[in-house]
Amino acid sequence: MGVDHAVSARAVFLDRDGVINRATVRDGKPYPPSRPEELELLPGVPEALAALKQAGYLLLVVTNQPDVARGLQPRSAVEAIHRDLLSRLPLDEILCCFHDDADGCACRKPRPGLLQDAARARGIDLGRSFMVGDRWRDTAAGEAAGCKTLYIDHGYQERRPSRFDARVASLTEAAAWILAKGRS
């Protein structure tokens, strides 16, 4: 009997701001950089991503960027930030929701649409994949998609995730946990 390779890839889904790059925290809440010049990678991110890539994981950023829908940031600025990240890091793709909550789309986290779309397009086994985020929407989306979830706890003063598989302090810690738990 043949093996079905249609759904065999493993992925690490990553939120962007607060996971890969530094978020600006104002009044206890994180905000994204507004242009590429403000983009600052967090310590250890290139090394953590390289280790995950070497272990065979697809690396996919899934990010909400509602400031575009809110008229606070041009889409071109977000796309320039993404081009910069793709040129500097071993990422396979950046998937972005530009909507706001009122739009009711399937792609805005906490809905799992971005993860599910990537899984269909790339043959990803969501049950063998991971979602790393720093906000409740990230872990909720990962859980809804069937991934193991890791919460990077920056101590934001906002709603916190109710469930996750591991709480870590950085992407470096998340990568170590994934590499230890994900051997299968």
Foldseek 3Di string as FASTA:
>chain_A
DDDDQLADAAAEEEEPDPAFWDFDADPLDTHHDQAQVPTHGDPPNQVLQVLCVVVRHAYEYQYEAQCCVVVNHPPVRVVNNVVVCVVPHVHPYYHYDNHDVVVVDQRFFVRQVVVVVCCNVPSHDLLLYEFEEAAQRRQSNSVNSNHAYEHQHPPGPDDHHPDGDYYDNHSNVVSVVCVVPRDD
